[in-house]
Every structure is written in C-alpha cells, then in structure tokens.
Amino acid sequence: MKNIFKFLTVLTLSLFLFQGCTKSDSRFNDIPTDGWIEFQGPGLTTITVVTEQLLLPLDVNVNIYENGLNVSYEIQPVQGDFNQILTTGNSTFIDPINNFRQGAVELNFQGVADLDEIIVFDVVLTAVDELGVSIGVDENSLTTYRISTPCPLDTAAIEGNYSVAEVFTSGVNEGLSLAGAFGQSYQVTLQLNPNDPTQTEFILGNAPGFNQYFVAGDIATLDTCGGTVTYPVALNLGNFSDMAVTSATYTEDAPVTFQADGTLGNFGPYQFILTKIE
C-alpha cells in the first residue's frame, strides 16, 4: 500500500510570533479600529501537510478590535479533490481578549496518509466583517497560501535487506574498500520507523551474520518528492569512521538503490551504494 508522508517544508506554523504592525499606511493612522489583515510569513507560500491540523498564522494590523474580527477565506482547488482530506470551515474568529494582533486559519485533515495522489489547493483570505479593515494593504501582502500533500511513497518497496558496494572514489585510497581492508562482509537492513507519523524515516541495521556497517538504530529520512536522503551528521560506517555525506539519493524503481557520496573521516572521498535484495 502506498502512503503519503506528511512533512512541513516551509514554516513552523504551530507557533504564533508577535510581529505587530510591520508595515505602515497613512490611511490607518487616524482611526485605530481600521487596518488590514494578512498571513504571517517571509513570502514563501507553499506548505506541505504535516499533521492532522495546520495553523496558518495571521498578521492583524489593527490596533483596536473590541468585538473581535471575523475573517473569511476560500479554499480554491488546484489539483485533485481537496474534499477527500479537508474538514474545515470558511472563516476564523480573532478574539479581542488579548488584543495581541494575532489569529490563525485552522485547517483540519483526515486520511492524508492513505492517499495515492497529490492534492493541491489554495487558501485565500477574502474579507473581514468590519468596515475599515481590509485584506492586505498592498500588492506585496501575503493573502494566499498554497497547500499540497506530498509525493506518495511505497514503504513496502523500501523495507528489506540490501547488499553494500562501498569504495574510496579518489585520493590515495582510491579503489580500496572497508570490506577489503578489514576482511569483512556487509549486508544491511532498512525498516520503517514505527514511531514516525510521516512514514519517511527508515531505521538502519545490519543483517544477521554480517559485520557492522551502520550503527544500528540510525535513521535515514527520505524526501519522496526530491528523491534525496538525509543521514545522521555523524554517520559511522564499518565501526571505523564517520562519513560526511555531500550527496545522497535513492530510486524507488526495482531494484531499489541508495547511493551516498562524501568523505570518510580523513581518509578521502568515499561512496556507498545499497541495492535491495529481492
């Protein structure tokens, strides 16, 4: 079964950051109940679903709103049917109690992990229920966020046993391998991390009867849309030295392979290729 992973690519959106009025507009100087509302953010506007709830913080540039503010928004389809996964309304209320110029659009999801397609939609701020409060202040205002589910991953295709081809690729040790130098034999395992809700983390291990290549329990994290892999910074290999990985990719098509290039300690450029044993 294919599973969609859930990984946040742009912002940590569960936190509110008090920004206050970061822009100025003379139209709103004299009337403290006037102003504008937009999304918080540095201008990057694509977010990938991370959990069953996603909060898109709002920047409320209104000094006084004693009765609160109702902000309306639309969900506009881009790719696929968002109704499969999105359970949410079309407005949010900004509470006046603290008056810290903060609010959020709350999106709730279900069934994202069971998708076998990518769904994309836009969240567009449309109106505020108070005269004098606008959506955005100028053409640079952030009033739309694009939401996407990530690329699917066949986790069953990734899990399993892998052969190891490893070699120093250049320098004084070019052509040498750890297996050859130490008279060892390597075969490794990749198992889905059961504690990872994103279903992109795989636990590295060593097959029974073979020498240690990975430190058992280390994690490889897959970027399923980019085809890249993130390994621990201190990726110890062969119980010998740490590899500084500079490039790491994987292919999901059979035979599944993982390739990493970098430098092994002070011993020179090094590469390993894992090939799944069918």
C-alpha atoms as a PDB file:
ATOM      1  CA  MET A   1       0.000   0.000   0.000  1.00  0.00           C
ATOM      2  CA  LYS A   2       1.249   3.418  -0.872  1.00  0.00           C
ATOM      3  CA  ASN A   3       1.389   6.018   1.857  1.00  0.00           C
ATOM      4  CA  ILE A   4       1.582   9.794   1.679  1.00  0.00           C
ATOM      5  CA  PHE A   5       4.151  11.266   4.037  1.00  0.00           C
ATOM      6  CA  LYS A   6       3.434  14.438   5.862  1.00  0.00           C
ATOM      7  CA  PHE A   7       6.370  16.827   6.057  1.00  0.00           C
ATOM      8  CA  LEU A   8       6.489  20.527   6.696  1.00  0.00           C
ATOM      9  CA  THR A   9       8.608  22.231   4.049  1.00  0.00           C
ATOM     10  CA  VAL A  10       8.305  25.912   4.657  1.00  0.00           C
ATOM     11  CA  LEU A  11       7.249  27.159   8.094  1.00  0.00           C
ATOM     12  CA  THR A  12       6.758  26.008  11.652  1.00  0.00           C
ATOM     13  CA  LEU A  13       3.151  27.082  11.701  1.00  0.00           C
ATOM     14  CA  SER A  14       2.020  25.785  15.079  1.00  0.00           C
ATOM     15  CA  LEU A  15       3.740  28.742  16.762  1.00  0.00           C
ATOM     16  CA  PHE A  16       2.465  32.292  16.855  1.00  0.00           C
ATOM     17  CA  LEU A  17       5.026  35.059  16.503  1.00  0.00           C
ATOM     18  CA  PHE A  18       4.042  38.509  17.673  1.00  0.00           C
ATOM     19  CA  GLN A  19       5.042  40.836  14.898  1.00  0.00           C
ATOM     20  CA  GLY A  20       2.842  43.873  15.446  1.00  0.00           C
ATOM     21  CA  CYS A  21       2.363  46.343  12.635  1.00  0.00           C
ATOM     22  CA  THR A  22       5.369  45.723  10.429  1.00  0.00           C
ATOM     23  CA  LYS A  23       4.095  47.932   7.625  1.00  0.00           C
ATOM     24  CA  SER A  24       2.766  51.464   7.710  1.00  0.00           C
ATOM     25  CA  ASP A  25      -0.008  53.107   5.748  1.00  0.00           C
ATOM     26  CA  SER A  26      -1.184  56.649   6.353  1.00  0.00           C
ATOM     27  CA  ARG A  27      -4.773  55.624   5.609  1.00  0.00           C
ATOM     28  CA  PHE A  28      -4.924  53.894   9.001  1.00  0.00           C
ATOM     29  CA  ASN A  29      -3.073  56.395  11.184  1.00  0.00           C
ATOM     30  CA  ASP A  30      -6.082  58.346  12.479  1.00  0.00           C
ATOM     31  CA  ILE A  31      -8.595  55.543  13.113  1.00  0.00           C
ATOM     32  CA  PRO A  32      -7.318  52.809  15.490  1.00  0.00           C
ATOM     33  CA  THR A  33     -10.117  50.425  14.503  1.00  0.00           C
ATOM     34  CA  ASP A  34      -9.049  50.484  10.857  1.00  0.00           C
ATOM     35  CA  GLY A  35      -6.260  48.437   9.355  1.00  0.00           C
ATOM     36  CA  TRP A  36      -5.597  45.234   7.450  1.00  0.00           C
ATOM     37  CA  ILE A  37      -5.068  41.513   7.869  1.00  0.00           C
ATOM     38  CA  GLU A  38      -2.743  39.172   6.009  1.00  0.00           C
ATOM     39  CA  PHE A  39      -0.901  35.907   6.575  1.00  0.00           C
ATOM     40  CA  GLN A  40       2.331  35.923   8.544  1.00  0.00           C
ATOM     41  CA  GLY A  41       5.368  34.643   6.737  1.00  0.00           C
ATOM     42  CA  PRO A  42       8.541  35.575   4.896  1.00  0.00           C
ATOM     43  CA  GLY A  43       6.863  35.348   1.494  1.00  0.00           C
ATOM     44  CA  LEU A  44       7.334  31.625   0.873  1.00  0.00           C
ATOM     45  CA  THR A  45       3.840  30.421   0.160  1.00  0.00           C
ATOM     46  CA  THR A  46       3.842  26.659  -0.401  1.00  0.00           C
ATOM     47  CA  ILE A  47       3.208  24.370   2.557  1.00  0.00           C
ATOM     48  CA  THR A  48       3.059  20.588   2.626  1.00  0.00           C
ATOM     49  CA  VAL A  49       0.641  18.943   5.049  1.00  0.00           C
ATOM     50  CA  VAL A  50       2.423  17.901   8.222  1.00  0.00           C
ATOM     51  CA  THR A  51      -0.214  16.812  10.745  1.00  0.00           C
ATOM     52  CA  GLU A  52      -3.961  16.416  11.085  1.00  0.00           C
ATOM     53  CA  GLN A  53      -4.120  20.114  11.957  1.00  0.00           C
ATOM     54  CA  LEU A  54      -2.336  23.008  10.277  1.00  0.00           C
ATOM     55  CA  LEU A  55      -2.384  26.572  11.592  1.00  0.00           C
ATOM     56  CA  LEU A  56      -1.715  29.463   9.216  1.00  0.00           C
ATOM     57  CA  PRO A  57      -0.902  32.458  11.468  1.00  0.00           C
ATOM     58  CA  LEU A  58      -2.443  35.807  10.635  1.00  0.00           C
ATOM     59  CA  ASP A  59      -0.801  39.200  10.985  1.00  0.00           C
ATOM     60  CA  VAL A  60      -3.531  41.516  12.316  1.00  0.00           C
ATOM     61  CA  ASN A  61      -2.562  45.117  11.686  1.00  0.00           C
ATOM     62  CA  VAL A  62      -5.475  46.654  13.620  1.00  0.00           C
ATOM     63  CA  ASN A  63      -4.792  48.461  16.882  1.00  0.00           C
ATOM     64  CA  ILE A  64      -8.251  48.098  18.441  1.00  0.00           C
ATOM     65  CA  TYR A  65     -10.940  45.480  17.709  1.00  0.00           C
ATOM     66  CA  GLU A  66     -13.071  45.307  20.835  1.00  0.00           C
ATOM     67  CA  ASN A  67     -15.686  42.977  19.353  1.00  0.00           C
ATOM     68  CA  GLY A  68     -13.241  40.700  17.597  1.00  0.00           C
ATOM     69  CA  LEU A  69     -12.873  40.168  13.877  1.00  0.00           C
ATOM     70  CA  ASN A  70     -14.360  37.514  11.620  1.00  0.00           C
ATOM     71  CA  VAL A  71     -12.037  36.743   8.721  1.00  0.00           C
ATOM     72  CA  SER A  72     -13.427  34.844   5.754  1.00  0.00           C
ATOM     73  CA  TYR A  73     -11.393  32.686   3.398  1.00  0.00           C
ATOM     74  CA  GLU A  74     -11.928  30.434   0.394  1.00  0.00           C
ATOM     75  CA  ILE A  75     -10.479  27.036  -0.471  1.00  0.00           C
ATOM     76  CA  GLN A  76      -9.680  27.053  -4.182  1.00  0.00           C
ATOM     77  CA  PRO A  77      -8.798  23.751  -5.926  1.00  0.00           C
ATOM     78  CA  VAL A  78      -5.565  23.487  -7.904  1.00  0.00           C
ATOM     79  CA  GLN A  79      -5.052  19.725  -8.317  1.00  0.00           C
ATOM     80  CA  GLY A  80      -7.232  16.842  -7.162  1.00  0.00           C
ATOM     81  CA  ASP A  81     -10.217  16.929  -4.823  1.00  0.00           C
ATOM     82  CA  PHE A  82      -9.404  18.584  -1.504  1.00  0.00           C
ATOM     83  CA  ASN A  83     -12.766  17.462  -0.113  1.00  0.00           C
ATOM     84  CA  GLN A  84     -11.219  13.995   0.303  1.00  0.00           C
ATOM     85  CA  ILE A  85      -8.972  15.212   3.099  1.00  0.00           C
ATOM     86  CA  LEU A  86     -10.007  18.676   4.272  1.00  0.00           C
ATOM     87  CA  THR A  87     -12.582  19.128   7.025  1.00  0.00           C
ATOM     88  CA  THR A  88     -12.778  22.831   7.792  1.00  0.00           C
ATOM     89  CA  GLY A  89     -14.991  25.892   7.625  1.00  0.00           C
ATOM     90  CA  ASN A  90     -14.619  29.117   5.679  1.00  0.00           C
ATOM     91  CA  SER A  91     -13.989  31.695   8.407  1.00  0.00           C
ATOM     92  CA  THR A  92     -11.998  32.242  11.584  1.00  0.00           C
ATOM     93  CA  PHE A  93     -12.637  34.496  14.591  1.00  0.00           C
ATOM     94  CA  ILE A  94      -9.899  36.679  16.019  1.00  0.00           C
ATOM     95  CA  ASP A  95     -10.515  37.001  19.742  1.00  0.00           C
ATOM     96  CA  PRO A  96     -10.272  40.552  21.137  1.00  0.00           C
ATOM     97  CA  ILE A  97      -9.462  39.469  24.714  1.00  0.00           C
ATOM     98  CA  ASN A  98      -5.675  39.688  24.462  1.00  0.00           C
ATOM     99  CA  ASN A  99      -5.613  42.059  21.507  1.00  0.00           C
ATOM    100  CA  PHE A 100      -2.100  40.901  20.579  1.00  0.00           C
ATOM    101  CA  ARG A 101      -2.830  41.249  16.869  1.00  0.00           C
ATOM    102  CA  GLN A 102      -2.734  37.505  16.372  1.00  0.00           C
ATOM    103  CA  GLY A 103      -5.017  34.942  14.804  1.00  0.00           C
ATOM    104  CA  ALA A 104      -4.906  31.899  12.580  1.00  0.00           C
ATOM    105  CA  VAL A 105      -6.692  29.976   9.883  1.00  0.00           C
ATOM    106  CA  GLU A 106      -7.069  26.430  11.206  1.00  0.00           C
ATOM    107  CA  LEU A 107      -7.140  23.591   8.677  1.00  0.00           C
ATOM    108  CA  ASN A 108      -8.085  20.068   9.743  1.00  0.00           C
ATOM    109  CA  PHE A 109      -7.277  16.979   7.700  1.00  0.00           C
ATOM    110  CA  GLN A 110      -8.179  13.311   7.673  1.00  0.00           C
ATOM    111  CA  GLY A 111      -6.987  10.380   5.580  1.00  0.00           C
ATOM    112  CA  VAL A 112      -3.869  12.108   4.232  1.00  0.00           C
ATOM    113  CA  ALA A 113      -1.690   9.069   4.930  1.00  0.00           C
ATOM    114  CA  ASP A 114      -3.913   6.889   2.739  1.00  0.00           C
ATOM    115  CA  LEU A 115      -3.674   8.985  -0.427  1.00  0.00           C
ATOM    116  CA  ASP A 116      -2.015   7.692  -3.575  1.00  0.00           C
ATOM    117  CA  GLU A 117      -2.181  11.039  -5.378  1.00  0.00           C
ATOM    118  CA  ILE A 118      -1.079  14.617  -4.780  1.00  0.00           C
ATOM    119  CA  ILE A 119      -3.772  17.126  -3.827  1.00  0.00           C
ATOM    120  CA  VAL A 120      -3.092  20.866  -4.077  1.00  0.00           C
ATOM    121  CA  PHE A 121      -5.310  23.795  -3.106  1.00  0.00           C
ATOM    122  CA  ASP A 122      -5.053  27.471  -2.206  1.00  0.00           C
ATOM    123  CA  VAL A 123      -6.275  29.143   0.978  1.00  0.00           C
ATOM    124  CA  VAL A 124      -7.258  32.696   0.027  1.00  0.00           C
ATOM    125  CA  LEU A 125      -8.236  35.412   2.504  1.00  0.00           C
ATOM    126  CA  THR A 126     -11.337  37.178   1.160  1.00  0.00           C
ATOM    127  CA  ALA A 127     -12.961  39.556   3.654  1.00  0.00           C
ATOM    128  CA  VAL A 128     -13.211  40.952   7.189  1.00  0.00           C
ATOM    129  CA  ASP A 129     -16.572  41.744   8.806  1.00  0.00           C
ATOM    130  CA  GLU A 130     -15.504  45.224   9.968  1.00  0.00           C
ATOM    131  CA  LEU A 131     -15.610  48.295   7.766  1.00  0.00           C
ATOM    132  CA  GLY A 132     -12.186  49.875   7.576  1.00  0.00           C
ATOM    133  CA  VAL A 133     -10.338  46.544   7.881  1.00  0.00           C
ATOM    134  CA  SER A 134      -9.112  45.197   4.566  1.00  0.00           C
ATOM    135  CA  ILE A 135      -7.465  42.012   3.367  1.00  0.00           C
ATOM    136  CA  GLY A 136      -3.893  43.064   2.695  1.00  0.00           C
ATOM    137  CA  VAL A 137      -2.576  46.575   2.403  1.00  0.00           C
ATOM    138  CA  ASP A 138      -0.850  46.476  -0.994  1.00  0.00           C
ATOM    139  CA  GLU A 139       0.263  44.138  -3.777  1.00  0.00           C
ATOM    140  CA  ASN A 140       3.039  42.754  -1.583  1.00  0.00           C
ATOM    141  CA  SER A 141       0.668  41.490   1.101  1.00  0.00           C
ATOM    142  CA  LEU A 142       0.604  37.747   1.731  1.00  0.00           C
ATOM    143  CA  THR A 143      -3.059  36.781   1.309  1.00  0.00           C
ATOM    144  CA  THR A 144      -2.769  33.298  -0.222  1.00  0.00           C
ATOM    145  CA  TYR A 145      -1.115  30.077   0.876  1.00  0.00           C
ATOM    146  CA  ARG A 146      -0.798  27.035  -1.357  1.00  0.00           C
ATOM    147  CA  ILE A 147      -1.225  23.713   0.434  1.00  0.00           C
ATOM    148  CA  SER A 148      -0.022  20.414  -1.020  1.00  0.00           C
ATOM    149  CA  THR A 149       0.049  16.806   0.043  1.00  0.00           C
ATOM    150  CA  PRO A 150       3.460  15.249  -0.597  1.00  0.00           C
ATOM    151  CA  CYS A 151       4.511  12.673  -3.157  1.00  0.00           C
ATOM    152  CA  PRO A 152       3.442   9.088  -2.406  1.00  0.00           C
ATOM    153  CA  LEU A 153       5.931   6.516  -1.161  1.00  0.00           C
ATOM    154  CA  ASP A 154       5.695   2.729  -1.412  1.00  0.00           C
ATOM    155  CA  THR A 155       7.142   1.921   2.001  1.00  0.00           C
ATOM    156  CA  ALA A 156       6.945  -1.834   1.402  1.00  0.00           C
ATOM    157  CA  ALA A 157       9.226  -1.428  -1.612  1.00  0.00           C
ATOM    158  CA  ILE A 158      11.833   0.320   0.534  1.00  0.00           C
ATOM    159  CA  GLU A 159      11.872  -2.040   3.511  1.00  0.00           C
ATOM    160  CA  GLY A 160      14.129  -5.069   3.323  1.00  0.00           C
ATOM    161  CA  ASN A 161      17.714  -6.313   3.007  1.00  0.00           C
ATOM    162  CA  TYR A 162      20.377  -4.568   0.929  1.00  0.00           C
ATOM    163  CA  SER A 163      23.765  -5.517  -0.416  1.00  0.00           C
ATOM    164  CA  VAL A 164      26.563  -2.986   0.101  1.00  0.00           C
ATOM    165  CA  ALA A 165      29.021  -1.808  -2.546  1.00  0.00           C
ATOM    166  CA  GLU A 166      31.460   0.665  -0.999  1.00  0.00           C
ATOM    167  CA  VAL A 167      34.713   2.171  -2.184  1.00  0.00           C
ATOM    168  CA  PHE A 168      37.064   5.136  -1.886  1.00  0.00           C
ATOM    169  CA  THR A 169      36.490   7.017  -5.137  1.00  0.00           C
ATOM    170  CA  SER A 170      39.696   9.079  -5.343  1.00  0.00           C
ATOM    171  CA  GLY A 171      42.789  10.132  -3.454  1.00  0.00           C
ATOM    172  CA  VAL A 172      45.479   7.885  -2.004  1.00  0.00           C
ATOM    173  CA  ASN A 173      42.887   5.247  -1.059  1.00  0.00           C
ATOM    174  CA  GLU A 174      41.115   5.207  -4.438  1.00  0.00           C
ATOM    175  CA  GLY A 175      39.776   1.751  -5.223  1.00  0.00           C
ATOM    176  CA  LEU A 176      40.088   0.472  -1.676  1.00  0.00           C
ATOM    177  CA  SER A 177      37.086  -0.574   0.418  1.00  0.00           C
ATOM    178  CA  LEU A 178      36.453  -1.107   4.109  1.00  0.00           C
ATOM    179  CA  ALA A 179      35.331  -4.660   3.456  1.00  0.00           C
ATOM    180  CA  GLY A 180      38.563  -5.432   1.625  1.00  0.00           C
ATOM    181  CA  ALA A 181      40.808  -3.645   4.090  1.00  0.00           C
ATOM    182  CA  PHE A 182      39.351  -5.344   7.149  1.00  0.00           C
ATOM    183  CA  GLY A 183      38.286  -8.665   5.620  1.00  0.00           C
ATOM    184  CA  GLN A 184      34.631  -8.024   6.407  1.00  0.00           C
ATOM    185  CA  SER A 185      31.275  -8.667   4.704  1.00  0.00           C
ATOM    186  CA  TYR A 186      28.356  -6.267   4.805  1.00  0.00           C
ATOM    187  CA  GLN A 187      24.601  -6.588   4.323  1.00  0.00           C
ATOM    188  CA  VAL A 188      22.222  -4.026   5.797  1.00  0.00           C
ATOM    189  CA  THR A 189      18.524  -3.623   6.529  1.00  0.00           C
ATOM    190  CA  LEU A 190      16.062  -0.760   6.225  1.00  0.00           C
ATOM    191  CA  GLN A 191      12.875  -0.883   8.297  1.00  0.00           C
ATOM    192  CA  LEU A 192      10.129   1.723   8.529  1.00  0.00           C
ATOM    193  CA  ASN A 193      10.290   3.625  11.801  1.00  0.00           C
ATOM    194  CA  PRO A 194       7.012   2.709  13.557  1.00  0.00           C
ATOM    195  CA  ASN A 195       7.155   5.874  15.668  1.00  0.00           C
ATOM    196  CA  ASP A 196       7.366   8.239  12.699  1.00  0.00           C
ATOM    197  CA  PRO A 197       3.958   9.604  11.606  1.00  0.00           C
ATOM    198  CA  THR A 198       5.457  10.946   8.373  1.00  0.00           C
ATOM    199  CA  GLN A 199       6.345   7.413   7.183  1.00  0.00           C
ATOM    200  CA  THR A 200       9.551   8.677   5.616  1.00  0.00           C
ATOM    201  CA  GLU A 201      12.033   7.523   8.268  1.00  0.00           C
ATOM    202  CA  PHE A 202      13.763   4.170   7.939  1.00  0.00           C
ATOM    203  CA  ILE A 203      15.834   2.538  10.668  1.00  0.00           C
ATOM    204  CA  LEU A 204      19.241   1.363   9.527  1.00  0.00           C
ATOM    205  CA  GLY A 205      20.507  -2.007  10.686  1.00  0.00           C
ATOM    206  CA  ASN A 206      22.855  -4.874   9.848  1.00  0.00           C
ATOM    207  CA  ALA A 207      21.664  -8.259   8.608  1.00  0.00           C
ATOM    208  CA  PRO A 208      22.353 -11.227  10.919  1.00  0.00           C
ATOM    209  CA  GLY A 209      25.630 -12.991  10.159  1.00  0.00           C
ATOM    210  CA  PHE A 210      27.258  -9.910   8.640  1.00  0.00           C
ATOM    211  CA  ASN A 211      29.678  -7.368  10.046  1.00  0.00           C
ATOM    212  CA  GLN A 212      28.584  -3.960  11.291  1.00  0.00           C
ATOM    213  CA  TYR A 213      28.331  -1.371   8.557  1.00  0.00           C
ATOM    214  CA  PHE A 214      25.761   1.028  10.006  1.00  0.00           C
ATOM    215  CA  VAL A 215      25.299   1.913  13.633  1.00  0.00           C
ATOM    216  CA  ALA A 216      22.090   0.009  14.309  1.00  0.00           C
ATOM    217  CA  GLY A 217      19.237   2.400  15.020  1.00  0.00           C
ATOM    218  CA  ASP A 218      20.489   5.301  12.928  1.00  0.00           C
ATOM    219  CA  ILE A 219      17.793   6.875  10.756  1.00  0.00           C
ATOM    220  CA  ALA A 220      17.636   7.586   7.012  1.00  0.00           C
ATOM    221  CA  THR A 221      14.964  10.165   6.111  1.00  0.00           C
ATOM    222  CA  LEU A 222      13.593  10.190   2.560  1.00  0.00           C
ATOM    223  CA  ASP A 223      12.452  13.246   0.616  1.00  0.00           C
ATOM    224  CA  THR A 224       9.928  11.438  -1.539  1.00  0.00           C
ATOM    225  CA  CYS A 225       9.366  14.320  -3.949  1.00  0.00           C
ATOM    226  CA  GLY A 226      13.059  15.087  -4.420  1.00  0.00           C
ATOM    227  CA  GLY A 227      14.460  11.554  -4.331  1.00  0.00           C
ATOM    228  CA  THR A 228      17.077  12.533  -1.771  1.00  0.00           C
ATOM    229  CA  VAL A 229      18.033  11.049   1.597  1.00  0.00           C
ATOM    230  CA  THR A 230      19.187  12.650   4.849  1.00  0.00           C
ATOM    231  CA  TYR A 231      21.501  10.619   7.075  1.00  0.00           C
ATOM    232  CA  PRO A 232      22.821  11.430  10.573  1.00  0.00           C
ATOM    233  CA  VAL A 233      25.565  14.044  10.599  1.00  0.00           C
ATOM    234  CA  ALA A 234      27.838  11.506  12.283  1.00  0.00           C
ATOM    235  CA  LEU A 235      27.160   8.517  10.011  1.00  0.00           C
ATOM    236  CA  ASN A 236      29.655   5.965  11.279  1.00  0.00           C
ATOM    237  CA  LEU A 237      30.488   3.244   8.758  1.00  0.00           C
ATOM    238  CA  GLY A 238      32.116  -0.118   9.379  1.00  0.00           C
ATOM    239  CA  ASN A 239      32.685   0.758  13.015  1.00  0.00           C
ATOM    240  CA  PHE A 240      35.623   2.728  11.595  1.00  0.00           C
ATOM    241  CA  SER A 241      34.964   6.418  10.837  1.00  0.00           C
ATOM    242  CA  ASP A 242      32.236   8.980  10.250  1.00  0.00           C
ATOM    243  CA  MET A 243      31.175   9.893   6.731  1.00  0.00           C
ATOM    244  CA  ALA A 244      30.416  13.498   5.819  1.00  0.00           C
ATOM    245  CA  VAL A 245      27.675  12.952   3.232  1.00  0.00           C
ATOM    246  CA  THR A 246      27.543  15.554   0.467  1.00  0.00           C
ATOM    247  CA  SER A 247      25.078  13.828  -1.877  1.00  0.00           C
ATOM    248  CA  ALA A 248      22.524  11.114  -1.110  1.00  0.00           C
ATOM    249  CA  THR A 249      19.790   9.802  -3.386  1.00  0.00           C
ATOM    250  CA  TYR A 250      17.507   6.813  -3.746  1.00  0.00           C
ATOM    251  CA  THR A 251      15.456   5.201  -6.511  1.00  0.00           C
ATOM    252  CA  GLU A 252      12.112   3.548  -5.795  1.00  0.00           C
ATOM    253  CA  ASP A 253      12.021   1.530  -9.014  1.00  0.00           C
ATOM    254  CA  ALA A 254      13.265  -2.042  -8.756  1.00  0.00           C
ATOM    255  CA  PRO A 255      15.904  -2.733  -7.847  1.00  0.00           C
ATOM    256  CA  VAL A 256      15.673  -0.096  -5.142  1.00  0.00           C
ATOM    257  CA  THR A 257      19.045   1.572  -4.612  1.00  0.00           C
ATOM    258  CA  PHE A 258      20.530   4.107  -2.216  1.00  0.00           C
ATOM    259  CA  GLN A 259      23.687   5.987  -3.171  1.00  0.00           C
ATOM    260  CA  ALA A 260      25.698   8.340  -0.971  1.00  0.00           C
ATOM    261  CA  ASP A 261      28.876  10.262  -1.762  1.00  0.00           C
ATOM    262  CA  GLY A 262      31.085  12.233   0.575  1.00  0.00           C
ATOM    263  CA  THR A 263      34.253  11.961   2.627  1.00  0.00           C
ATOM    264  CA  LEU A 264      35.022   9.216   5.123  1.00  0.00           C
ATOM    265  CA  GLY A 265      36.873  10.813   8.022  1.00  0.00           C
ATOM    266  CA  ASN A 266      40.340  11.958   6.902  1.00  0.00           C
ATOM    267  CA  PHE A 267      40.708   9.033   4.517  1.00  0.00           C
ATOM    268  CA  GLY A 268      39.332  10.590   1.353  1.00  0.00           C
ATOM    269  CA  PRO A 269      36.276  10.677  -0.953  1.00  0.00           C
ATOM    270  CA  TYR A 270      34.044   7.687  -0.408  1.00  0.00           C
ATOM    271  CA  GLN A 271      30.841   6.209  -1.821  1.00  0.00           C
ATOM    272  CA  PHE A 272      28.394   3.513  -0.862  1.00  0.00           C
ATOM    273  CA  ILE A 273      25.585   2.010  -2.922  1.00  0.00           C
ATOM    274  CA  LEU A 274      22.897  -0.106  -1.303  1.00  0.00           C
ATOM    275  CA  THR A 275      20.924  -2.408  -3.613  1.00  0.00           C
ATOM    276  CA  LYS A 276      17.827  -4.151  -2.384  1.00  0.00           C
ATOM    277  CA  ILE A 277      17.995  -7.935  -2.434  1.00  0.00           C
ATOM    278  CA  GLU A 278      14.770  -9.151  -3.992  1.00  0.00           C
END
